[in-house]
C-alpha atoms as a PDB file:
ATOM      1  CA  MET A   1       3.708-128.377 159.439  1.00  0.00           C
ATOM      2  CA  LYS A   2       6.622-126.382 157.697  1.00  0.00           C
ATOM      3  CA  THR A   3      10.248-126.549 159.665  1.00  0.00           C
ATOM      4  CA  LYS A   4      13.505-124.597 158.944  1.00  0.00           C
ATOM      5  CA  ASN A   5      16.522-125.799 156.948  1.00  0.00           C
ATOM      6  CA  LEU A   6      19.656-124.707 158.801  1.00  0.00           C
ATOM      7  CA  HIS A   7      22.007-127.320 157.944  1.00  0.00           C
ATOM      8  CA  ASN A   8      22.615-130.639 156.161  1.00  0.00           C
ATOM      9  CA  TRP A   9      22.893-133.886 158.236  1.00  0.00           C
ATOM     10  CA  ASN A  10      25.943-135.339 156.397  1.00  0.00           C
ATOM     11  CA  ILE A  11      28.213-134.298 158.678  1.00  0.00           C
ATOM     12  CA  GLY A  12      31.340-135.790 160.645  1.00  0.00           C
ATOM     13  CA  VAL A  13      32.086-136.027 164.461  1.00  0.00           C
ATOM     14  CA  LYS A  14      34.208-132.906 164.661  1.00  0.00           C
ATOM     15  CA  ASP A  15      32.232-130.707 162.618  1.00  0.00           C
ATOM     16  CA  ALA A  16      28.968-131.895 164.609  1.00  0.00           C
ATOM     17  CA  ILE A  17      30.320-130.584 167.781  1.00  0.00           C
ATOM     18  CA  GLY A  18      31.571-127.451 166.357  1.00  0.00           C
ATOM     19  CA  LEU A  19      27.830-127.049 164.917  1.00  0.00           C
ATOM     20  CA  GLN A  20      26.526-127.568 168.258  1.00  0.00           C
ATOM     21  CA  LYS A  21      28.349-124.786 169.921  1.00  0.00           C
ATOM     22  CA  ALA A  22      27.038-122.477 167.140  1.00  0.00           C
ATOM     23  CA  LEU A  23      23.564-123.658 167.320  1.00  0.00           C
ATOM     24  CA  ALA A  24      23.601-123.300 171.126  1.00  0.00           C
ATOM     25  CA  ASN A  25      23.912-119.583 170.592  1.00  0.00           C
ATOM     26  CA  GLN A  26      20.759-119.241 168.604  1.00  0.00           C
ATOM     27  CA  VAL A  27      18.515-120.942 171.240  1.00  0.00           C
ATOM     28  CA  ILE A  28      16.046-118.273 172.624  1.00  0.00           C
ATOM     29  CA  GLN A  29      15.471-118.378 176.210  1.00  0.00           C
ATOM     30  CA  SER A  30      12.188-116.445 176.411  1.00  0.00           C
ATOM     31  CA  LYS A  31       9.302-115.518 178.538  1.00  0.00           C
ATOM     32  CA  PHE A  32       6.422-118.111 177.146  1.00  0.00           C
ATOM     33  CA  ASP A  33       3.186-117.606 179.383  1.00  0.00           C
ATOM     34  CA  LYS A  34       0.486-117.971 176.539  1.00  0.00           C
ATOM     35  CA  LYS A  35      -2.306-120.164 177.704  1.00  0.00           C
ATOM     36  CA  ILE A  36      -1.811-123.025 175.886  1.00  0.00           C
ATOM     37  CA  LYS A  37      -4.277-125.230 174.204  1.00  0.00           C
ATOM     38  CA  THR A  38      -2.368-128.182 172.533  1.00  0.00           C
ATOM     39  CA  VAL A  39       0.916-129.789 173.440  1.00  0.00           C
ATOM     40  CA  ALA A  40       3.221-132.317 171.422  1.00  0.00           C
ATOM     41  CA  GLY A  41       5.415-135.012 172.382  1.00  0.00           C
ATOM     42  CA  ILE A  42       8.359-136.492 170.700  1.00  0.00           C
ATOM     43  CA  ASP A  43       9.808-139.959 170.946  1.00  0.00           C
ATOM     44  CA  CYS A  44      11.819-142.381 169.153  1.00  0.00           C
ATOM     45  CA  ALA A  45      12.853-146.061 169.189  1.00  0.00           C
ATOM     46  CA  PHE A  46      15.380-147.791 167.124  1.00  0.00           C
ATOM     47  CA  SER A  47      15.090-151.301 165.355  1.00  0.00           C
ATOM     48  CA  LYS A  48      16.759-154.447 166.652  1.00  0.00           C
ATOM     49  CA  ASP A  49      19.699-154.326 164.071  1.00  0.00           C
ATOM     50  CA  LYS A  50      20.334-150.466 165.023  1.00  0.00           C
ATOM     51  CA  LYS A  51      19.977-149.820 161.687  1.00  0.00           C
ATOM     52  CA  SER A  52      16.248-148.076 161.442  1.00  0.00           C
ATOM     53  CA  ILE A  53      15.119-145.424 163.572  1.00  0.00           C
ATOM     54  CA  TYR A  54      11.391-144.758 164.231  1.00  0.00           C
ATOM     55  CA  ALA A  55       9.936-141.562 165.360  1.00  0.00           C
ATOM     56  CA  CYS A  56       6.314-140.823 167.086  1.00  0.00           C
ATOM     57  CA  ILE A  57       4.735-137.497 167.381  1.00  0.00           C
ATOM     58  CA  VAL A  58       1.530-136.995 169.212  1.00  0.00           C
ATOM     59  CA  VAL A  59      -0.486-133.817 169.656  1.00  0.00           C
ATOM     60  CA  LEU A  60      -2.798-133.644 172.738  1.00  0.00           C
ATOM     61  CA  SER A  61      -5.386-131.193 174.248  1.00  0.00           C
ATOM     62  CA  VAL A  62      -3.990-130.102 177.305  1.00  0.00           C
ATOM     63  CA  GLN A  63      -7.338-129.620 178.759  1.00  0.00           C
ATOM     64  CA  THR A  64      -8.284-133.248 178.519  1.00  0.00           C
ATOM     65  CA  PHE A  65      -5.200-134.791 177.221  1.00  0.00           C
ATOM     66  CA  GLU A  66      -7.344-136.254 173.910  1.00  0.00           C
ATOM     67  CA  ILE A  67      -5.211-137.449 171.244  1.00  0.00           C
ATOM     68  CA  LEU A  68      -5.676-134.961 168.586  1.00  0.00           C
ATOM     69  CA  GLU A  69      -3.126-136.029 165.736  1.00  0.00           C
ATOM     70  CA  THR A  70      -0.446-138.903 165.672  1.00  0.00           C
ATOM     71  CA  VAL A  71       2.268-139.230 162.988  1.00  0.00           C
ATOM     72  CA  TYR A  72       5.221-141.552 162.745  1.00  0.00           C
ATOM     73  CA  LEU A  73       8.011-142.076 160.225  1.00  0.00           C
ATOM     74  CA  ILE A  74      11.194-144.648 159.882  1.00  0.00           C
ATOM     75  CA  LYS A  75      14.284-143.450 158.275  1.00  0.00           C
ATOM     76  CA  PRO A  76      17.877-145.499 158.259  1.00  0.00           C
ATOM     77  CA  VAL A  77      20.347-144.634 160.868  1.00  0.00           C
ATOM     78  CA  ILE A  78      23.017-141.977 159.137  1.00  0.00           C
ATOM     79  CA  PHE A  79      24.673-141.104 162.439  1.00  0.00           C
ATOM     80  CA  PRO A  80      26.845-143.270 164.686  1.00  0.00           C
ATOM     81  CA  TYR A  81      25.941-143.760 168.434  1.00  0.00           C
ATOM     82  CA  ILE A  82      28.160-141.329 170.278  1.00  0.00           C
ATOM     83  CA  PRO A  83      27.449-139.649 173.583  1.00  0.00           C
ATOM     84  CA  GLY A  84      26.474-136.124 173.462  1.00  0.00           C
ATOM     85  CA  LEU A  85      25.683-136.203 169.731  1.00  0.00           C
ATOM     86  CA  LEU A  86      22.665-138.314 170.025  1.00  0.00           C
ATOM     87  CA  SER A  87      20.602-135.631 168.061  1.00  0.00           C
ATOM     88  CA  PHE A  88      22.561-136.334 165.147  1.00  0.00           C
ATOM     89  CA  ARG A  89      21.181-139.566 165.008  1.00  0.00           C
ATOM     90  CA  GLU A  90      17.559-138.553 165.825  1.00  0.00           C
ATOM     91  CA  ALA A  91      16.637-135.124 164.929  1.00  0.00           C
ATOM     92  CA  PRO A  92      16.573-135.619 161.126  1.00  0.00           C
ATOM     93  CA  VAL A  93      13.363-138.457 161.564  1.00  0.00           C
ATOM     94  CA  CYS A  94      11.888-136.200 164.296  1.00  0.00           C
ATOM     95  CA  ILE A  95      12.042-133.203 161.859  1.00  0.00           C
ATOM     96  CA  ALA A  96      10.458-135.052 158.987  1.00  0.00           C
ATOM     97  CA  ALA A  97       7.891-136.771 161.065  1.00  0.00           C
ATOM     98  CA  ALA A  98       6.938-132.928 161.943  1.00  0.00           C
ATOM     99  CA  GLU A  99       6.429-132.109 158.569  1.00  0.00           C
ATOM    100  CA  LYS A 100       3.323-134.210 158.295  1.00  0.00           C
ATOM    101  CA  LEU A 101       1.416-132.649 161.430  1.00  0.00           C
ATOM    102  CA  LYS A 102      -1.564-131.101 160.288  1.00  0.00           C
ATOM    103  CA  ILE A 103      -1.846-129.414 163.853  1.00  0.00           C
ATOM    104  CA  ILE A 104       0.466-126.827 164.686  1.00  0.00           C
ATOM    105  CA  PRO A 105       1.240-127.343 168.698  1.00  0.00           C
ATOM    106  CA  ASP A 106       1.580-124.605 170.940  1.00  0.00           C
ATOM    107  CA  CYS A 107       4.718-126.508 172.337  1.00  0.00           C
ATOM    108  CA  VAL A 108       6.862-129.529 172.238  1.00  0.00           C
ATOM    109  CA  ILE A 109       7.822-131.886 175.104  1.00  0.00           C
ATOM    110  CA  VAL A 110      10.828-134.088 173.985  1.00  0.00           C
ATOM    111  CA  ASP A 111      11.684-136.881 175.576  1.00  0.00           C
ATOM    112  CA  GLY A 112      15.402-135.806 176.102  1.00  0.00           C
ATOM    113  CA  GLN A 113      17.662-132.943 177.379  1.00  0.00           C
ATOM    114  CA  GLY A 114      17.648-129.570 176.066  1.00  0.00           C
ATOM    115  CA  THR A 115      20.083-127.123 177.582  1.00  0.00           C
ATOM    116  CA  ALA A 116      21.115-129.869 180.082  1.00  0.00           C
ATOM    117  CA  HIS A 117      23.848-130.749 177.666  1.00  0.00           C
ATOM    118  CA  PRO A 118      27.860-130.220 177.523  1.00  0.00           C
ATOM    119  CA  ARG A 119      27.355-127.828 174.436  1.00  0.00           C
ATOM    120  CA  ARG A 120      24.001-126.517 175.632  1.00  0.00           C
ATOM    121  CA  LEU A 121      22.304-128.332 172.493  1.00  0.00           C
ATOM    122  CA  GLY A 122      20.482-131.479 173.543  1.00  0.00           C
ATOM    123  CA  LEU A 123      17.884-132.960 171.194  1.00  0.00           C
ATOM    124  CA  ALA A 124      15.178-130.622 172.575  1.00  0.00           C
ATOM    125  CA  CYS A 125      17.215-127.396 171.585  1.00  0.00           C
ATOM    126  CA  HIS A 126      18.477-128.859 168.116  1.00  0.00           C
ATOM    127  CA  LEU A 127      14.411-129.711 167.369  1.00  0.00           C
ATOM    128  CA  GLY A 128      13.244-126.476 168.538  1.00  0.00           C
ATOM    129  CA  LEU A 129      15.511-124.432 166.308  1.00  0.00           C
ATOM    130  CA  PHE A 130      14.383-126.465 163.089  1.00  0.00           C
ATOM    131  CA  LEU A 131      10.666-126.675 164.185  1.00  0.00           C
ATOM    132  CA  ASP A 132      10.530-122.771 165.365  1.00  0.00           C
ATOM    133  CA  ILE A 133       8.426-123.152 168.232  1.00  0.00           C
ATOM    134  CA  PRO A 134       8.478-123.660 172.040  1.00  0.00           C
ATOM    135  CA  THR A 135      10.235-127.000 173.046  1.00  0.00           C
ATOM    136  CA  ILE A 136      11.212-128.617 176.337  1.00  0.00           C
ATOM    137  CA  GLY A 137      13.389-131.355 177.267  1.00  0.00           C
ATOM    138  CA  CYS A 138      12.200-133.513 179.792  1.00  0.00           C
ATOM    139  CA  ALA A 139      14.532-136.934 180.258  1.00  0.00           C
ATOM    140  CA  LYS A 140      14.292-139.656 182.402  1.00  0.00           C
ATOM    141  CA  SER A 141      17.939-139.453 183.721  1.00  0.00           C
ATOM    142  CA  ARG A 142      20.662-136.882 184.222  1.00  0.00           C
ATOM    143  CA  LEU A 143      23.451-136.176 181.369  1.00  0.00           C
ATOM    144  CA  ILE A 144      25.489-133.602 183.115  1.00  0.00           C
ATOM    145  CA  GLY A 145      25.407-131.325 185.950  1.00  0.00           C
ATOM    146  CA  GLU A 146      25.075-131.640 189.903  1.00  0.00           C
ATOM    147  CA  PHE A 147      21.908-131.347 191.968  1.00  0.00           C
ATOM    148  CA  LYS A 148      20.523-131.834 195.399  1.00  0.00           C
ATOM    149  CA  MET A 149      17.352-134.300 195.420  1.00  0.00           C
ATOM    150  CA  PRO A 150      13.988-132.336 195.888  1.00  0.00           C
ATOM    151  CA  ALA A 151      11.555-132.660 198.299  1.00  0.00           C
ATOM    152  CA  MET A 152       9.298-135.910 197.854  1.00  0.00           C
ATOM    153  CA  SER A 153       6.115-134.291 197.158  1.00  0.00           C
ATOM    154  CA  LYS A 154       4.713-133.533 193.693  1.00  0.00           C
ATOM    155  CA  GLY A 155       5.951-130.141 192.417  1.00  0.00           C
ATOM    156  CA  SER A 156       9.132-130.169 194.224  1.00  0.00           C
ATOM    157  CA  THR A 157      12.028-128.891 192.480  1.00  0.00           C
ATOM    158  CA  SER A 158      15.644-128.577 192.572  1.00  0.00           C
ATOM    159  CA  PRO A 159      17.999-126.707 190.240  1.00  0.00           C
ATOM    160  CA  LEU A 160      20.496-128.688 187.934  1.00  0.00           C
ATOM    161  CA  LYS A 161      23.571-126.982 187.662  1.00  0.00           C
ATOM    162  CA  ASP A 162      27.066-127.254 185.744  1.00  0.00           C
ATOM    163  CA  ARG A 163      29.946-125.231 186.606  1.00  0.00           C
ATOM    164  CA  GLY A 164      28.005-122.988 188.682  1.00  0.00           C
ATOM    165  CA  GLU A 165      25.551-122.303 185.831  1.00  0.00           C
ATOM    166  CA  ILE A 166      21.707-123.387 186.126  1.00  0.00           C
ATOM    167  CA  ILE A 167      21.262-125.620 182.874  1.00  0.00           C
ATOM    168  CA  GLY A 168      17.715-127.307 184.067  1.00  0.00           C
ATOM    169  CA  SER A 169      15.687-128.347 187.016  1.00  0.00           C
ATOM    170  CA  VAL A 170      15.093-131.906 188.633  1.00  0.00           C
ATOM    171  CA  VAL A 171      11.448-131.750 188.608  1.00  0.00           C
ATOM    172  CA  ARG A 172       9.206-134.331 191.073  1.00  0.00           C
ATOM    173  CA  THR A 173       6.168-134.990 188.848  1.00  0.00           C
ATOM    174  CA  ARG A 174       4.627-137.321 191.107  1.00  0.00           C
ATOM    175  CA  SER A 175       5.223-137.747 195.164  1.00  0.00           C
ATOM    176  CA  ASN A 176       7.183-140.243 196.398  1.00  0.00           C
ATOM    177  CA  VAL A 177       8.337-141.438 192.558  1.00  0.00           C
ATOM    178  CA  LYS A 178      11.509-140.437 190.659  1.00  0.00           C
ATOM    179  CA  PRO A 179      11.850-136.874 189.649  1.00  0.00           C
ATOM    180  CA  VAL A 180      12.719-136.199 185.844  1.00  0.00           C
ATOM    181  CA  PHE A 181      15.093-133.424 184.130  1.00  0.00           C
ATOM    182  CA  VAL A 182      13.572-130.509 182.683  1.00  0.00           C
ATOM    183  CA  SER A 183      15.804-128.156 180.309  1.00  0.00           C
ATOM    184  CA  VAL A 184      14.562-125.550 177.779  1.00  0.00           C
ATOM    185  CA  GLY A 185      14.637-126.351 174.319  1.00  0.00           C
ATOM    186  CA  HIS A 186      13.868-123.197 172.788  1.00  0.00           C
ATOM    187  CA  LYS A 187      11.284-120.024 172.953  1.00  0.00           C
ATOM    188  CA  CYS A 188      10.694-120.695 176.638  1.00  0.00           C
ATOM    189  CA  ARG A 189      12.553-119.984 179.775  1.00  0.00           C
ATOM    190  CA  LEU A 190      13.034-122.782 182.325  1.00  0.00           C
ATOM    191  CA  ALA A 191      10.398-121.545 184.677  1.00  0.00           C
ATOM    192  CA  ASP A 192       7.644-121.990 182.283  1.00  0.00           C
ATOM    193  CA  ALA A 193       9.118-125.547 181.114  1.00  0.00           C
ATOM    194  CA  ILE A 194       8.882-126.703 184.674  1.00  0.00           C
ATOM    195  CA  ARG A 195       5.464-125.087 184.553  1.00  0.00           C
ATOM    196  CA  ILE A 196       3.861-126.972 181.055  1.00  0.00           C
ATOM    197  CA  VAL A 197       5.595-130.393 181.990  1.00  0.00           C
ATOM    198  CA  LEU A 198       3.568-130.307 185.615  1.00  0.00           C
ATOM    199  CA  ASP A 199       0.671-128.986 184.022  1.00  0.00           C
ATOM    200  CA  CYS A 200       0.966-132.139 181.621  1.00  0.00           C
ATOM    201  CA  CYS A 201       1.202-134.922 183.934  1.00  0.00           C
ATOM    202  CA  GLY A 202      -1.720-136.843 185.184  1.00  0.00           C
ATOM    203  CA  LYS A 203      -1.282-140.062 187.469  1.00  0.00           C
ATOM    204  CA  TYR A 204       2.209-141.119 186.088  1.00  0.00           C
ATOM    205  CA  ARG A 205       5.763-140.043 186.429  1.00  0.00           C
ATOM    206  CA  LEU A 206       5.893-138.794 182.808  1.00  0.00           C
ATOM    207  CA  PRO A 207       3.946-135.775 181.195  1.00  0.00           C
ATOM    208  CA  GLU A 208       1.133-137.408 179.077  1.00  0.00           C
ATOM    209  CA  PRO A 209       2.451-136.272 175.476  1.00  0.00           C
ATOM    210  CA  SER A 210       6.032-137.883 175.899  1.00  0.00           C
ATOM    211  CA  ARG A 211       4.242-140.945 177.789  1.00  0.00           C
ATOM    212  CA  ILE A 212       1.704-141.694 174.960  1.00  0.00           C
ATOM    213  CA  ALA A 213       4.724-140.913 172.288  1.00  0.00           C
ATOM    214  CA  HIS A 214       6.831-143.666 174.127  1.00  0.00           C
ATOM    215  CA  GLN A 215       3.785-145.751 174.014  1.00  0.00           C
ATOM    216  CA  THR A 216       3.428-145.201 170.434  1.00  0.00           C
ATOM    217  CA  VAL A 217       6.468-145.448 169.023  1.00  0.00           C
ATOM    218  CA  THR A 218       7.180-148.798 171.027  1.00  0.00           C
ATOM    219  CA  ARG A 219       4.124-150.224 169.324  1.00  0.00           C
ATOM    220  CA  ILE A 220       5.238-149.364 165.919  1.00  0.00           C
ATOM    221  CA  LYS A 221       8.626-150.757 166.516  1.00  0.00           C
ATOM    222  CA  ILE A 222       7.165-154.036 167.143  1.00  0.00           C
ATOM    223  CA  ASN A 223       4.545-154.020 164.542  1.00  0.00           C
ATOM    224  CA  PRO A 224       5.365-151.064 161.756  1.00  0.00           C
ATOM    225  CA  THR A 225       2.200-151.580 159.724  1.00  0.00           C
ATOM    226  CA  CYS A 226       0.074-151.486 163.167  1.00  0.00           C
ATOM    227  CA  ALA A 227      -2.974-148.801 162.892  1.00  0.00           C
ATOM    228  CA  LEU A 228      -2.604-145.799 164.720  1.00  0.00           C
END
């Protein structure tokens, strides 16, 4: 898979914040209603000493949740841990892993925030701009914003707002189970992101692409030489 080269990663904190603000203006929120056949999930994990980062991408068939392709990569950590700037730690290895993909997925679900971010450029947005395909943020917890808890039934949603702006949605993917936080990454609308996340959820809280990517990267972290 070919990716864009929008900037280098050798950057300081002040410049990273300015770059986020600039890149946020390039995020496209457009209608994405094509029938999708493949969805990828991306997740990362860090080594115990926090010096290395692992990224895993799995591509699934939407219809059957069959795994069609899995790639992973390990890289040294090059950016410090700073809330709001996590994509500068995680995106480089995710992009490098994506370049190994033979299948270009119709869209990508990222375990992280999209526009539900103080500067509207979470990991899903940052990756979406580099990958240049529809990308969705599906996080397990809230980073910013206020919301009312959605109803307890599967499919219930509630807007996530920051200073009056809708930046995402709180989505109940299973009845009577904690919701997830869905936001636009790139090249889709919030309604499309919610629909795709719900379509990709089986009997678990997380959408299958994210869940399987998380399981796989955890296994790789424990044993990097394991067969996928």
